């Protein structure tokens, strides 16, 4: 499975983007470079993801629902679980492809704001 690296290209508070804010996704892609729902449904293993937000590294996984689409689910820490008011650690993916260097996708972060991420590598 290819690994995709997304780097923050812009969003609230980040008009110039930030290389300190990124996602790494291990996913299957269709021949046109889009996330492959058939491969996800057929794969018994989770598709791993990692969120790096200003030095805070969090593991997670890529999820799919035919009705709601793709999202990245980030594993909760003990601090998240202890705070019942904390926002869900899920980032819906808008514009889920094609995943090619130079393309953009939008993720809604846990603060409810949407951020643009640029695909910097697919290896």
PDB file of N, CA and C in Angstrom:
ATOM      1  N   UNK A   1       0.839  -1.184   0.000  1.00  0.00           N
ATOM      2  CA  UNK A   1       0.000   0.000   0.000  1.00  0.00           C
ATOM      3  C   UNK A   1       0.879   1.240   0.000  1.00  0.00           C
ATOM      4  N   UNK A   2       0.518   2.224  -0.797  1.00  0.00           N
ATOM      5  CA  UNK A   2       1.309   3.449  -0.794  1.00  0.00           C
ATOM      6  C   UNK A   2       1.135   4.245   0.496  1.00  0.00           C
ATOM      7  N   UNK A   3       2.177   4.988   0.833  1.00  0.00           N
ATOM      8  CA  UNK A   3       2.088   5.921   1.951  1.00  0.00           C
ATOM      9  C   UNK A   3       1.962   7.322   1.362  1.00  0.00           C
ATOM     10  N   UNK A   4       0.967   8.051   1.860  1.00  0.00           N
ATOM     11  CA  UNK A   4       0.708   9.413   1.401  1.00  0.00           C
ATOM     12  C   UNK A   4       1.092  10.370   2.517  1.00  0.00           C
ATOM     13  N   UNK A   5       1.813  11.419   2.171  1.00  0.00           N
ATOM     14  CA  UNK A   5       2.156  12.456   3.132  1.00  0.00           C
ATOM     15  C   UNK A   5       1.415  13.734   2.753  1.00  0.00           C
ATOM     16  N   UNK A   6       0.650  14.252   3.729  1.00  0.00           N
ATOM     17  CA  UNK A   6      -0.097  15.501   3.556  1.00  0.00           C
ATOM     18  C   UNK A   6       0.515  16.555   4.469  1.00  0.00           C
ATOM     19  N   UNK A   7       0.740  17.755   3.951  1.00  0.00           N
ATOM     20  CA  UNK A   7       1.292  18.854   4.733  1.00  0.00           C
ATOM     21  C   UNK A   7       0.301  20.016   4.699  1.00  0.00           C
ATOM     22  N   UNK A   8       0.113  20.650   5.851  1.00  0.00           N
ATOM     23  CA  UNK A   8      -0.825  21.761   5.962  1.00  0.00           C
ATOM     24  C   UNK A   8      -0.462  22.866   4.976  1.00  0.00           C
ATOM     25  N   UNK A   9      -1.397  23.180   4.082  1.00  0.00           N
ATOM     26  CA  UNK A   9      -1.174  24.209   3.075  1.00  0.00           C
ATOM     27  C   UNK A   9      -1.801  25.534   3.475  1.00  0.00           C
ATOM     28  N   UNK A  10      -2.841  25.488   4.311  1.00  0.00           N
ATOM     29  CA  UNK A  10      -3.483  26.726   4.740  1.00  0.00           C
ATOM     30  C   UNK A  10      -4.751  26.448   5.510  1.00  0.00           C
ATOM     31  N   UNK A  11      -5.138  27.417   6.306  1.00  0.00           N
ATOM     32  CA  UNK A  11      -6.350  27.315   7.102  1.00  0.00           C
ATOM     33  C   UNK A  11      -6.324  28.382   8.171  1.00  0.00           C
ATOM     34  N   UNK A  12      -7.344  28.413   9.036  1.00  0.00           N
ATOM     35  CA  UNK A  12      -7.401  29.433  10.086  1.00  0.00           C
ATOM     36  C   UNK A  12      -6.115  29.455  10.922  1.00  0.00           C
ATOM     37  N   UNK A  13      -5.461  30.609  10.941  1.00  0.00           N
ATOM     38  CA  UNK A  13      -4.224  30.762  11.695  1.00  0.00           C
ATOM     39  C   UNK A  13      -2.981  30.299  10.958  1.00  0.00           C
ATOM     40  N   UNK A  14      -3.144  29.757   9.758  1.00  0.00           N
ATOM     41  CA  UNK A  14      -2.017  29.232   8.985  1.00  0.00           C
ATOM     42  C   UNK A  14      -2.119  29.679   7.526  1.00  0.00           C
ATOM     43  N   UNK A  15      -2.113  30.981   7.300  1.00  0.00           N
ATOM     44  CA  UNK A  15      -2.276  31.483   5.940  1.00  0.00           C
ATOM     45  C   UNK A  15      -1.147  31.037   5.013  1.00  0.00           C
ATOM     46  N   UNK A  16       0.028  30.772   5.555  1.00  0.00           N
ATOM     47  CA  UNK A  16       1.164  30.319   4.761  1.00  0.00           C
ATOM     48  C   UNK A  16       1.378  28.810   4.870  1.00  0.00           C
ATOM     49  N   UNK A  17       0.476  28.105   5.570  1.00  0.00           N
ATOM     50  CA  UNK A  17       0.638  26.672   5.769  1.00  0.00           C
ATOM     51  C   UNK A  17       1.652  26.395   6.871  1.00  0.00           C
ATOM     52  N   UNK A  18       2.021  25.129   7.038  1.00  0.00           N
ATOM     53  CA  UNK A  18       2.975  24.755   8.070  1.00  0.00           C
ATOM     54  C   UNK A  18       3.495  23.351   7.825  1.00  0.00           C
ATOM     55  N   UNK A  19       4.809  23.222   7.739  1.00  0.00           N
ATOM     56  CA  UNK A  19       5.397  21.892   7.596  1.00  0.00           C
ATOM     57  C   UNK A  19       5.388  21.138   8.923  1.00  0.00           C
ATOM     58  N   UNK A  20       5.043  21.802  10.015  1.00  0.00           N
ATOM     59  CA  UNK A  20       4.960  21.176  11.339  1.00  0.00           C
ATOM     60  C   UNK A  20       3.619  20.479  11.563  1.00  0.00           C
ATOM     61  N   UNK A  21       2.728  20.557  10.585  1.00  0.00           N
ATOM     62  CA  UNK A  21       1.391  19.971  10.695  1.00  0.00           C
ATOM     63  C   UNK A  21       1.172  19.077   9.478  1.00  0.00           C
ATOM     64  N   UNK A  22       1.095  17.768   9.749  1.00  0.00           N
ATOM     65  CA  UNK A  22       1.011  16.833   8.633  1.00  0.00           C
ATOM     66  C   UNK A  22       0.269  15.551   9.013  1.00  0.00           C
ATOM     67  N   UNK A  23      -0.075  14.801   8.008  1.00  0.00           N
ATOM     68  CA  UNK A  23      -0.655  13.469   8.162  1.00  0.00           C
ATOM     69  C   UNK A  23       0.122  12.508   7.287  1.00  0.00           C
ATOM     70  N   UNK A  24       0.269  11.278   7.757  1.00  0.00           N
ATOM     71  CA  UNK A  24       0.816  10.184   6.980  1.00  0.00           C
ATOM     72  C   UNK A  24      -0.275   9.109   6.923  1.00  0.00           C
ATOM     73  N   UNK A  25      -0.631   8.675   5.718  1.00  0.00           N
ATOM     74  CA  UNK A  25      -1.693   7.692   5.525  1.00  0.00           C
ATOM     75  C   UNK A  25      -1.158   6.522   4.712  1.00  0.00           C
ATOM     76  N   UNK A  26      -1.458   5.298   5.132  1.00  0.00           N
ATOM     77  CA  UNK A  26      -1.162   4.107   4.344  1.00  0.00           C
ATOM     78  C   UNK A  26      -2.483   3.582   3.820  1.00  0.00           C
ATOM     79  N   UNK A  27      -2.690   3.721   2.513  1.00  0.00           N
ATOM     80  CA  UNK A  27      -3.990   3.444   1.914  1.00  0.00           C
ATOM     81  C   UNK A  27      -3.823   2.771   0.555  1.00  0.00           C
ATOM     82  N   UNK A  28      -4.899   2.177   0.076  1.00  0.00           N
ATOM     83  CA  UNK A  28      -4.938   1.668  -1.297  1.00  0.00           C
ATOM     84  C   UNK A  28      -5.619   2.721  -2.160  1.00  0.00           C
ATOM     85  N   UNK A  29      -5.091   2.886  -3.361  1.00  0.00           N
ATOM     86  CA  UNK A  29      -5.641   3.874  -4.288  1.00  0.00           C
ATOM     87  C   UNK A  29      -6.162   3.190  -5.548  1.00  0.00           C
ATOM     88  N   UNK A  30      -7.157   3.805  -6.147  1.00  0.00           N
ATOM     89  CA  UNK A  30      -7.645   3.340  -7.439  1.00  0.00           C
ATOM     90  C   UNK A  30      -6.622   3.732  -8.507  1.00  0.00           C
ATOM     91  N   UNK A  31      -6.755   3.208  -9.723  1.00  0.00           N
ATOM     92  CA  UNK A  31      -5.819   3.617 -10.787  1.00  0.00           C
ATOM     93  C   UNK A  31      -5.825   5.131 -11.055  1.00  0.00           C
ATOM     94  N   UNK A  32      -6.898   5.815 -10.692  1.00  0.00           N
ATOM     95  CA  UNK A  32      -6.959   7.268 -10.892  1.00  0.00           C
ATOM     96  C   UNK A  32      -6.451   8.043  -9.681  1.00  0.00           C
ATOM     97  N   UNK A  33      -5.952   7.328  -8.644  1.00  0.00           N
ATOM     98  CA  UNK A  33      -5.357   7.986  -7.498  1.00  0.00           C
ATOM     99  C   UNK A  33      -6.318   8.355  -6.380  1.00  0.00           C
ATOM    100  N   UNK A  34      -7.519   7.808  -6.392  1.00  0.00           N
ATOM    101  CA  UNK A  34      -8.489   8.085  -5.333  1.00  0.00           C
ATOM    102  C   UNK A  34      -8.464   6.966  -4.289  1.00  0.00           C
ATOM    103  N   UNK A  35      -8.908   7.276  -3.076  1.00  0.00           N
ATOM    104  CA  UNK A  35      -9.026   6.237  -2.048  1.00  0.00           C
ATOM    105  C   UNK A  35      -9.968   5.161  -2.564  1.00  0.00           C
ATOM    106  N   UNK A  36      -9.611   3.895  -2.343  1.00  0.00           N
ATOM    107  CA  UNK A  36     -10.340   2.775  -2.927  1.00  0.00           C
ATOM    108  C   UNK A  36     -11.276   2.127  -1.901  1.00  0.00           C
ATOM    109  N   UNK A  37     -12.589   2.426  -1.973  1.00  0.00           N
ATOM    110  CA  UNK A  37     -13.511   1.862  -0.983  1.00  0.00           C
ATOM    111  C   UNK A  37     -13.633   0.341  -1.062  1.00  0.00           C
ATOM    112  N   UNK A  38     -13.535  -0.231  -2.258  1.00  0.00           N
ATOM    113  CA  UNK A  38     -13.625  -1.693  -2.375  1.00  0.00           C
ATOM    114  C   UNK A  38     -12.436  -2.363  -1.706  1.00  0.00           C
ATOM    115  N   UNK A  39     -11.253  -1.802  -1.880  1.00  0.00           N
ATOM    116  CA  UNK A  39     -10.063  -2.354  -1.232  1.00  0.00           C
ATOM    117  C   UNK A  39     -10.167  -2.209   0.280  1.00  0.00           C
ATOM    118  N   UNK A  40     -10.697  -1.073   0.755  1.00  0.00           N
ATOM    119  CA  UNK A  40     -10.846  -0.869   2.199  1.00  0.00           C
ATOM    120  C   UNK A  40     -11.804  -1.904   2.783  1.00  0.00           C
ATOM    121  N   UNK A  41     -12.945  -2.130   2.113  1.00  0.00           N
ATOM    122  CA  UNK A  41     -13.927  -3.081   2.623  1.00  0.00           C
ATOM    123  C   UNK A  41     -13.416  -4.509   2.581  1.00  0.00           C
ATOM    124  N   UNK A  42     -12.550  -4.839   1.626  1.00  0.00           N
ATOM    125  CA  UNK A  42     -12.021  -6.203   1.500  1.00  0.00           C
ATOM    126  C   UNK A  42     -10.820  -6.463   2.404  1.00  0.00           C
ATOM    127  N   UNK A  43     -10.215  -5.421   2.932  1.00  0.00           N
ATOM    128  CA  UNK A  43      -8.980  -5.558   3.709  1.00  0.00           C
ATOM    129  C   UNK A  43      -9.309  -5.770   5.191  1.00  0.00           C
ATOM    130  N   UNK A  44      -8.899  -6.908   5.782  1.00  0.00           N
ATOM    131  CA  UNK A  44      -9.184  -7.127   7.201  1.00  0.00           C
ATOM    132  C   UNK A  44      -8.297  -6.280   8.128  1.00  0.00           C
ATOM    133  N   UNK A  45      -7.194  -5.764   7.604  1.00  0.00           N
ATOM    134  CA  UNK A  45      -6.291  -4.944   8.419  1.00  0.00           C
ATOM    135  C   UNK A  45      -6.726  -3.478   8.393  1.00  0.00           C
ATOM    136  N   UNK A  46      -6.416  -2.769   9.471  1.00  0.00           N
ATOM    137  CA  UNK A  46      -6.711  -1.336   9.477  1.00  0.00           C
ATOM    138  C   UNK A  46      -5.721  -0.621   8.563  1.00  0.00           C
ATOM    139  N   UNK A  47      -6.135   0.505   8.026  1.00  0.00           N
ATOM    140  CA  UNK A  47      -5.248   1.338   7.233  1.00  0.00           C
ATOM    141  C   UNK A  47      -4.673   2.388   8.171  1.00  0.00           C
ATOM    142  N   UNK A  48      -3.391   2.278   8.537  1.00  0.00           N
ATOM    143  CA  UNK A  48      -2.826   3.174   9.549  1.00  0.00           C
ATOM    144  C   UNK A  48      -2.668   4.611   9.055  1.00  0.00           C
ATOM    145  N   UNK A  49      -2.760   5.513  10.014  1.00  0.00           N
ATOM    146  CA  UNK A  49      -2.552   6.941   9.784  1.00  0.00           C
ATOM    147  C   UNK A  49      -1.779   7.488  10.973  1.00  0.00           C
ATOM    148  N   UNK A  50      -1.138   8.608  10.761  1.00  0.00           N
ATOM    149  CA  UNK A  50      -0.476   9.304  11.856  1.00  0.00           C
ATOM    150  C   UNK A  50      -0.695  10.792  11.657  1.00  0.00           C
ATOM    151  N   UNK A  51      -1.028  11.464  12.748  1.00  0.00           N
ATOM    152  CA  UNK A  51      -1.221  12.912  12.742  1.00  0.00           C
ATOM    153  C   UNK A  51      -0.072  13.537  13.519  1.00  0.00           C
ATOM    154  N   UNK A  52       0.638  14.451  12.881  1.00  0.00           N
ATOM    155  CA  UNK A  52       1.712  15.197  13.538  1.00  0.00           C
ATOM    156  C   UNK A  52       1.269  16.651  13.536  1.00  0.00           C
ATOM    157  N   UNK A  53       0.973  17.175  14.718  1.00  0.00           N
ATOM    158  CA  UNK A  53       0.458  18.526  14.849  1.00  0.00           C
ATOM    159  C   UNK A  53       1.368  19.259  15.826  1.00  0.00           C
ATOM    160  N   UNK A  54       2.311  20.024  15.268  1.00  0.00           N
ATOM    161  CA  UNK A  54       3.267  20.809  16.068  1.00  0.00           C
ATOM    162  C   UNK A  54       4.006  19.932  17.089  1.00  0.00           C
ATOM    163  N   UNK A  55       4.538  18.806  16.616  1.00  0.00           N
ATOM    164  CA  UNK A  55       5.331  17.938  17.479  1.00  0.00           C
ATOM    165  C   UNK A  55       4.547  16.868  18.206  1.00  0.00           C
ATOM    166  N   UNK A  56       3.231  16.988  18.284  1.00  0.00           N
ATOM    167  CA  UNK A  56       2.388  15.987  18.943  1.00  0.00           C
ATOM    168  C   UNK A  56       2.044  14.906  17.922  1.00  0.00           C
ATOM    169  N   UNK A  57       2.627  13.715  18.086  1.00  0.00           N
ATOM    170  CA  UNK A  57       2.396  12.604  17.160  1.00  0.00           C
ATOM    171  C   UNK A  57       1.308  11.698  17.716  1.00  0.00           C
ATOM    172  N   UNK A  58       0.307  11.437  16.888  1.00  0.00           N
ATOM    173  CA  UNK A  58      -0.790  10.565  17.310  1.00  0.00           C
ATOM    174  C   UNK A  58      -1.088   9.533  16.234  1.00  0.00           C
ATOM    175  N   UNK A  59      -1.124   8.257  16.616  1.00  0.00           N
ATOM    176  CA  UNK A  59      -1.499   7.226  15.659  1.00  0.00           C
ATOM    177  C   UNK A  59      -3.015   7.208  15.469  1.00  0.00           C
ATOM    178  N   UNK A  60      -3.409   6.651  14.361  1.00  0.00           N
ATOM    179  CA  UNK A  60      -4.828   6.505  14.071  1.00  0.00           C
ATOM    180  C   UNK A  60      -5.013   5.582  12.891  1.00  0.00           C
ATOM    181  N   UNK A  61      -6.171   5.688  12.258  1.00  0.00           N
ATOM    182  CA  UNK A  61      -6.443   4.881  11.079  1.00  0.00           C
ATOM    183  C   UNK A  61      -7.435   5.587  10.168  1.00  0.00           C
ATOM    184  N   UNK A  62      -7.450   5.130   8.933  1.00  0.00           N
ATOM    185  CA  UNK A  62      -8.352   5.668   7.916  1.00  0.00           C
ATOM    186  C   UNK A  62      -9.616   4.824   7.925  1.00  0.00           C
ATOM    187  N   UNK A  63     -10.761   5.481   7.957  1.00  0.00           N
ATOM    188  CA  UNK A  63     -12.057   4.800   8.014  1.00  0.00           C
ATOM    189  C   UNK A  63     -12.913   5.206   6.815  1.00  0.00           C
ATOM    190  N   UNK A  64     -13.869   4.339   6.470  1.00  0.00           N
ATOM    191  CA  UNK A  64     -14.774   4.619   5.354  1.00  0.00           C
ATOM    192  C   UNK A  64     -16.177   4.155   5.701  1.00  0.00           C
ATOM    193  N   UNK A  65     -17.150   4.948   5.316  1.00  0.00           N
ATOM    194  CA  UNK A  65     -18.558   4.579   5.419  1.00  0.00           C
ATOM    195  C   UNK A  65     -19.208   4.966   4.092  1.00  0.00           C
ATOM    196  N   UNK A  66     -19.932   4.048   3.436  1.00  0.00           N
ATOM    197  CA  UNK A  66     -20.523   4.373   2.142  1.00  0.00           C
ATOM    198  C   UNK A  66     -21.466   5.579   2.189  1.00  0.00           C
ATOM    199  N   UNK A  67     -22.075   5.831   3.341  1.00  0.00           N
ATOM    200  CA  UNK A  67     -23.019   6.948   3.447  1.00  0.00           C
ATOM    201  C   UNK A  67     -22.358   8.279   3.775  1.00  0.00           C
ATOM    202  N   UNK A  68     -21.256   8.248   4.542  1.00  0.00           N
ATOM    203  CA  UNK A  68     -20.650   9.506   4.975  1.00  0.00           C
ATOM    204  C   UNK A  68     -19.274   9.766   4.385  1.00  0.00           C
ATOM    205  N   UNK A  69     -18.657   8.770   3.785  1.00  0.00           N
ATOM    206  CA  UNK A  69     -17.365   8.964   3.138  1.00  0.00           C
ATOM    207  C   UNK A  69     -16.184   8.587   4.007  1.00  0.00           C
ATOM    208  N   UNK A  70     -15.055   9.226   3.739  1.00  0.00           N
ATOM    209  CA  UNK A  70     -13.775   8.914   4.369  1.00  0.00           C
ATOM    210  C   UNK A  70     -13.486   9.847   5.528  1.00  0.00           C
ATOM    211  N   UNK A  71     -12.769   9.329   6.535  1.00  0.00           N
ATOM    212  CA  UNK A  71     -12.274  10.160   7.616  1.00  0.00           C
ATOM    213  C   UNK A  71     -11.068   9.499   8.249  1.00  0.00           C
ATOM    214  N   UNK A  72     -10.319  10.304   8.988  1.00  0.00           N
ATOM    215  CA  UNK A  72      -9.171   9.816   9.732  1.00  0.00           C
ATOM    216  C   UNK A  72      -9.560   9.812  11.201  1.00  0.00           C
ATOM    217  N   UNK A  73      -9.471   8.659  11.822  1.00  0.00           N
ATOM    218  CA  UNK A  73      -9.792   8.510  13.240  1.00  0.00           C
ATOM    219  C   UNK A  73      -8.475   8.437  14.008  1.00  0.00           C
ATOM    220  N   UNK A  74      -8.287   9.378  14.934  1.00  0.00           N
ATOM    221  CA  UNK A  74      -7.058   9.438  15.711  1.00  0.00           C
ATOM    222  C   UNK A  74      -7.311   8.792  17.070  1.00  0.00           C
ATOM    223  N   UNK A  75      -6.386   7.934  17.485  1.00  0.00           N
ATOM    224  CA  UNK A  75      -6.542   7.239  18.765  1.00  0.00           C
ATOM    225  C   UNK A  75      -6.525   8.239  19.918  1.00  0.00           C
ATOM    226  N   UNK A  76      -7.386   8.026  20.876  1.00  0.00           N
ATOM    227  CA  UNK A  76      -7.496   8.920  22.024  1.00  0.00           C
ATOM    228  C   UNK A  76      -6.390   8.658  23.037  1.00  0.00           C
ATOM    229  N   UNK A  77      -5.982   9.719  23.707  1.00  0.00           N
ATOM    230  CA  UNK A  77      -5.016   9.616  24.797  1.00  0.00           C
ATOM    231  C   UNK A  77      -5.793   9.586  26.108  1.00  0.00           C
ATOM    232  N   UNK A  78      -5.159   9.229  27.226  1.00  0.00           N
ATOM    233  CA  UNK A  78      -5.859   9.280  28.516  1.00  0.00           C
ATOM    234  C   UNK A  78      -6.414  10.672  28.818  1.00  0.00           C
ATOM    235  N   UNK A  79      -5.723  11.723  28.375  1.00  0.00           N
ATOM    236  CA  UNK A  79      -6.219  13.084  28.607  1.00  0.00           C
ATOM    237  C   UNK A  79      -7.517  13.331  27.843  1.00  0.00           C
ATOM    238  N   UNK A  80      -7.607  12.813  26.617  1.00  0.00           N
ATOM    239  CA  UNK A  80      -8.832  12.979  25.828  1.00  0.00           C
ATOM    240  C   UNK A  80     -10.004  12.272  26.491  1.00  0.00           C
ATOM    241  N   UNK A  81      -9.776  11.066  26.958  1.00  0.00           N
ATOM    242  CA  UNK A  81     -10.837  10.275  27.574  1.00  0.00           C
ATOM    243  C   UNK A  81     -11.292  10.917  28.880  1.00  0.00           C
ATOM    244  N   UNK A  82     -10.360  11.515  29.615  1.00  0.00           N
ATOM    245  CA  UNK A  82     -10.689  12.133  30.906  1.00  0.00           C
ATOM    246  C   UNK A  82     -11.520  13.409  30.747  1.00  0.00           C
ATOM    247  N   UNK A  83     -11.487  14.008  29.560  1.00  0.00           N
ATOM    248  CA  UNK A  83     -12.228  15.246  29.324  1.00  0.00           C
ATOM    249  C   UNK A  83     -13.458  14.950  28.472  1.00  0.00           C
ATOM    250  N   UNK A  84     -14.631  14.786  29.101  1.00  0.00           N
ATOM    251  CA  UNK A  84     -15.826  14.434  28.336  1.00  0.00           C
ATOM    252  C   UNK A  84     -16.260  15.521  27.361  1.00  0.00           C
ATOM    253  N   UNK A  85     -15.740  16.735  27.536  1.00  0.00           N
ATOM    254  CA  UNK A  85     -16.094  17.829  26.635  1.00  0.00           C
ATOM    255  C   UNK A  85     -15.187  17.886  25.411  1.00  0.00           C
ATOM    256  N   UNK A  86     -14.151  17.036  25.365  1.00  0.00           N
ATOM    257  CA  UNK A  86     -13.225  17.123  24.240  1.00  0.00           C
ATOM    258  C   UNK A  86     -13.919  16.715  22.942  1.00  0.00           C
ATOM    259  N   UNK A  87     -13.512  17.380  21.878  1.00  0.00           N
ATOM    260  CA  UNK A  87     -14.087  17.095  20.566  1.00  0.00           C
ATOM    261  C   UNK A  87     -13.618  15.732  20.076  1.00  0.00           C
ATOM    262  N   UNK A  88     -14.407  15.098  19.217  1.00  0.00           N
ATOM    263  CA  UNK A  88     -13.974  13.810  18.672  1.00  0.00           C
ATOM    264  C   UNK A  88     -12.669  13.970  17.907  1.00  0.00           C
ATOM    265  N   UNK A  89     -11.870  12.950  17.941  1.00  0.00           N
ATOM    266  CA  UNK A  89     -10.598  12.977  17.246  1.00  0.00           C
ATOM    267  C   UNK A  89     -10.764  12.335  15.871  1.00  0.00           C
ATOM    268  N   UNK A  90     -11.672  12.904  15.107  1.00  0.00           N
ATOM    269  CA  UNK A  90     -11.924  12.415  13.768  1.00  0.00           C
ATOM    270  C   UNK A  90     -11.843  13.586  12.809  1.00  0.00           C
ATOM    271  N   UNK A  91     -11.209  13.360  11.687  1.00  0.00           N
ATOM    272  CA  UNK A  91     -11.069  14.392  10.670  1.00  0.00           C
ATOM    273  C   UNK A  91     -11.683  13.898   9.373  1.00  0.00           C
ATOM    274  N   UNK A  92     -12.886  14.363   9.042  1.00  0.00           N
ATOM    275  CA  UNK A  92     -13.474  13.992   7.748  1.00  0.00           C
ATOM    276  C   UNK A  92     -12.599  14.508   6.604  1.00  0.00           C
ATOM    277  N   UNK A  93     -12.519  13.719   5.544  1.00  0.00           N
ATOM    278  CA  UNK A  93     -11.733  14.076   4.366  1.00  0.00           C
ATOM    279  C   UNK A  93     -12.695  14.541   3.284  1.00  0.00           C
ATOM    280  N   UNK A  94     -12.553  15.784   2.857  1.00  0.00           N
ATOM    281  CA  UNK A  94     -13.335  16.290   1.725  1.00  0.00           C
ATOM    282  C   UNK A  94     -12.416  16.326   0.517  1.00  0.00           C
ATOM    283  N   UNK A  95     -12.938  15.964  -0.610  1.00  0.00           N
ATOM    284  CA  UNK A  95     -12.105  15.941  -1.806  1.00  0.00           C
ATOM    285  C   UNK A  95     -11.074  14.840  -1.721  1.00  0.00           C
ATOM    286  N   UNK A  96     -11.529  13.604  -1.542  1.00  0.00           N
ATOM    287  CA  UNK A  96     -10.638  12.473  -1.278  1.00  0.00           C
ATOM    288  C   UNK A  96      -9.982  11.947  -2.549  1.00  0.00           C
ATOM    289  N   UNK A  97      -9.325  12.803  -3.249  1.00  0.00           N
ATOM    290  CA  UNK A  97      -8.537  12.358  -4.376  1.00  0.00           C
ATOM    291  C   UNK A  97      -8.710  13.276  -5.568  1.00  0.00           C
ATOM    292  N   UNK A  98      -7.855  13.148  -6.543  1.00  0.00           N
ATOM    293  CA  UNK A  98      -6.793  12.156  -6.583  1.00  0.00           C
ATOM    294  C   UNK A  98      -5.649  12.529  -5.646  1.00  0.00           C
ATOM    295  N   UNK A  99      -5.002  11.506  -5.121  1.00  0.00           N
ATOM    296  CA  UNK A  99      -3.865  11.697  -4.229  1.00  0.00           C
ATOM    297  C   UNK A  99      -2.583  11.597  -5.055  1.00  0.00           C
ATOM    298  N   UNK A 100      -2.181  12.749  -5.570  1.00  0.00           N
ATOM    299  CA  UNK A 100      -0.943  12.866  -6.325  1.00  0.00           C
ATOM    300  C   UNK A 100      -0.191  14.078  -5.799  1.00  0.00           C
ATOM    301  N   UNK A 101       1.136  14.056  -5.829  1.00  0.00           N
ATOM    302  CA  UNK A 101       1.874  15.226  -5.359  1.00  0.00           C
ATOM    303  C   UNK A 101       1.383  16.510  -6.041  1.00  0.00           C
ATOM    304  N   UNK A 102       1.156  17.516  -5.205  1.00  0.00           N
ATOM    305  CA  UNK A 102       0.673  18.803  -5.695  1.00  0.00           C
ATOM    306  C   UNK A 102      -0.827  18.982  -5.588  1.00  0.00           C
ATOM    307  N   UNK A 103      -1.579  17.899  -5.404  1.00  0.00           N
ATOM    308  CA  UNK A 103      -3.024  17.985  -5.241  1.00  0.00           C
ATOM    309  C   UNK A 103      -3.359  18.383  -3.805  1.00  0.00           C
ATOM    310  N   UNK A 104      -4.608  18.793  -3.568  1.00  0.00           N
ATOM    311  CA  UNK A 104      -5.045  19.242  -2.250  1.00  0.00           C
ATOM    312  C   UNK A 104      -6.258  18.462  -1.783  1.00  0.00           C
ATOM    313  N   UNK A 105      -6.348  18.270  -0.468  1.00  0.00           N
ATOM    314  CA  UNK A 105      -7.536  17.721   0.178  1.00  0.00           C
ATOM    315  C   UNK A 105      -7.848  18.616   1.375  1.00  0.00           C
ATOM    316  N   UNK A 106      -9.081  18.577   1.819  1.00  0.00           N
ATOM    317  CA  UNK A 106      -9.496  19.372   2.967  1.00  0.00           C
ATOM    318  C   UNK A 106      -9.867  18.437   4.108  1.00  0.00           C
ATOM    319  N   UNK A 107      -9.356  18.736   5.305  1.00  0.00           N
ATOM    320  CA  UNK A 107      -9.682  17.980   6.508  1.00  0.00           C
ATOM    321  C   UNK A 107     -10.310  18.925   7.522  1.00  0.00           C
ATOM    322  N   UNK A 108     -11.348  18.455   8.199  1.00  0.00           N
ATOM    323  CA  UNK A 108     -11.916  19.223   9.306  1.00  0.00           C
ATOM    324  C   UNK A 108     -11.286  18.705  10.585  1.00  0.00           C
ATOM    325  N   UNK A 109     -10.549  19.577  11.264  1.00  0.00           N
ATOM    326  CA  UNK A 109      -9.838  19.192  12.481  1.00  0.00           C
ATOM    327  C   UNK A 109     -10.793  19.181  13.668  1.00  0.00           C
ATOM    328  N   UNK A 110     -10.291  18.728  14.805  1.00  0.00           N
ATOM    329  CA  UNK A 110     -11.133  18.578  15.996  1.00  0.00           C
ATOM    330  C   UNK A 110     -11.667  19.900  16.510  1.00  0.00           C
ATOM    331  N   UNK A 111     -11.059  21.037  16.082  1.00  0.00           N
ATOM    332  CA  UNK A 111     -11.591  22.345  16.480  1.00  0.00           C
ATOM    333  C   UNK A 111     -12.783  22.757  15.618  1.00  0.00           C
ATOM    334  N   UNK A 112     -13.174  21.906  14.659  1.00  0.00           N
ATOM    335  CA  UNK A 112     -14.313  22.175  13.795  1.00  0.00           C
ATOM    336  C   UNK A 112     -13.969  23.008  12.574  1.00  0.00           C
ATOM    337  N   UNK A 113     -12.725  23.455  12.476  1.00  0.00           N
ATOM    338  CA  UNK A 113     -12.299  24.275  11.347  1.00  0.00           C
ATOM    339  C   UNK A 113     -11.718  23.398  10.249  1.00  0.00           C
ATOM    340  N   UNK A 114     -11.867  23.879   9.013  1.00  0.00           N
ATOM    341  CA  UNK A 114     -11.352  23.133   7.881  1.00  0.00           C
ATOM    342  C   UNK A 114     -10.004  23.689   7.446  1.00  0.00           C
ATOM    343  N   UNK A 115      -9.096  22.764   7.104  1.00  0.00           N
ATOM    344  CA  UNK A 115      -7.745  23.103   6.698  1.00  0.00           C
ATOM    345  C   UNK A 115      -7.430  22.402   5.383  1.00  0.00           C
ATOM    346  N   UNK A 116      -6.711  23.095   4.519  1.00  0.00           N
ATOM    347  CA  UNK A 116      -6.267  22.503   3.260  1.00  0.00           C
ATOM    348  C   UNK A 116      -4.914  21.836   3.472  1.00  0.00           C
ATOM    349  N   UNK A 117      -4.765  20.628   2.954  1.00  0.00           N
ATOM    350  CA  UNK A 117      -3.513  19.899   3.012  1.00  0.00           C
ATOM    351  C   UNK A 117      -3.072  19.587   1.582  1.00  0.00           C
ATOM    352  N   UNK A 118      -1.786  19.725   1.350  1.00  0.00           N
ATOM    353  CA  UNK A 118      -1.213  19.424   0.043  1.00  0.00           C
ATOM    354  C   UNK A 118      -0.560  18.049   0.096  1.00  0.00           C
ATOM    355  N   UNK A 119      -0.791  17.271  -0.929  1.00  0.00           N
ATOM    356  CA  UNK A 119      -0.132  15.971  -1.059  1.00  0.00           C
ATOM    357  C   UNK A 119       1.311  16.248  -1.478  1.00  0.00           C
ATOM    358  N   UNK A 120       2.264  15.862  -0.616  1.00  0.00           N
ATOM    359  CA  UNK A 120       3.670  16.111  -0.944  1.00  0.00           C
ATOM    360  C   UNK A 120       4.382  14.862  -1.431  1.00  0.00           C
ATOM    361  N   UNK A 121       3.862  13.680  -1.085  1.00  0.00           N
ATOM    362  CA  UNK A 121       4.481  12.466  -1.615  1.00  0.00           C
ATOM    363  C   UNK A 121       3.493  11.304  -1.564  1.00  0.00           C
ATOM    364  N   UNK A 122       3.671  10.399  -2.517  1.00  0.00           N
ATOM    365  CA  UNK A 122       2.960   9.124  -2.566  1.00  0.00           C
ATOM    366  C   UNK A 122       4.041   8.094  -2.891  1.00  0.00           C
ATOM    367  N   UNK A 123       4.408   7.292  -1.872  1.00  0.00           N
ATOM    368  CA  UNK A 123       5.501   6.344  -2.083  1.00  0.00           C
ATOM    369  C   UNK A 123       5.070   4.913  -1.795  1.00  0.00           C
TER     370      UNK A 123
END
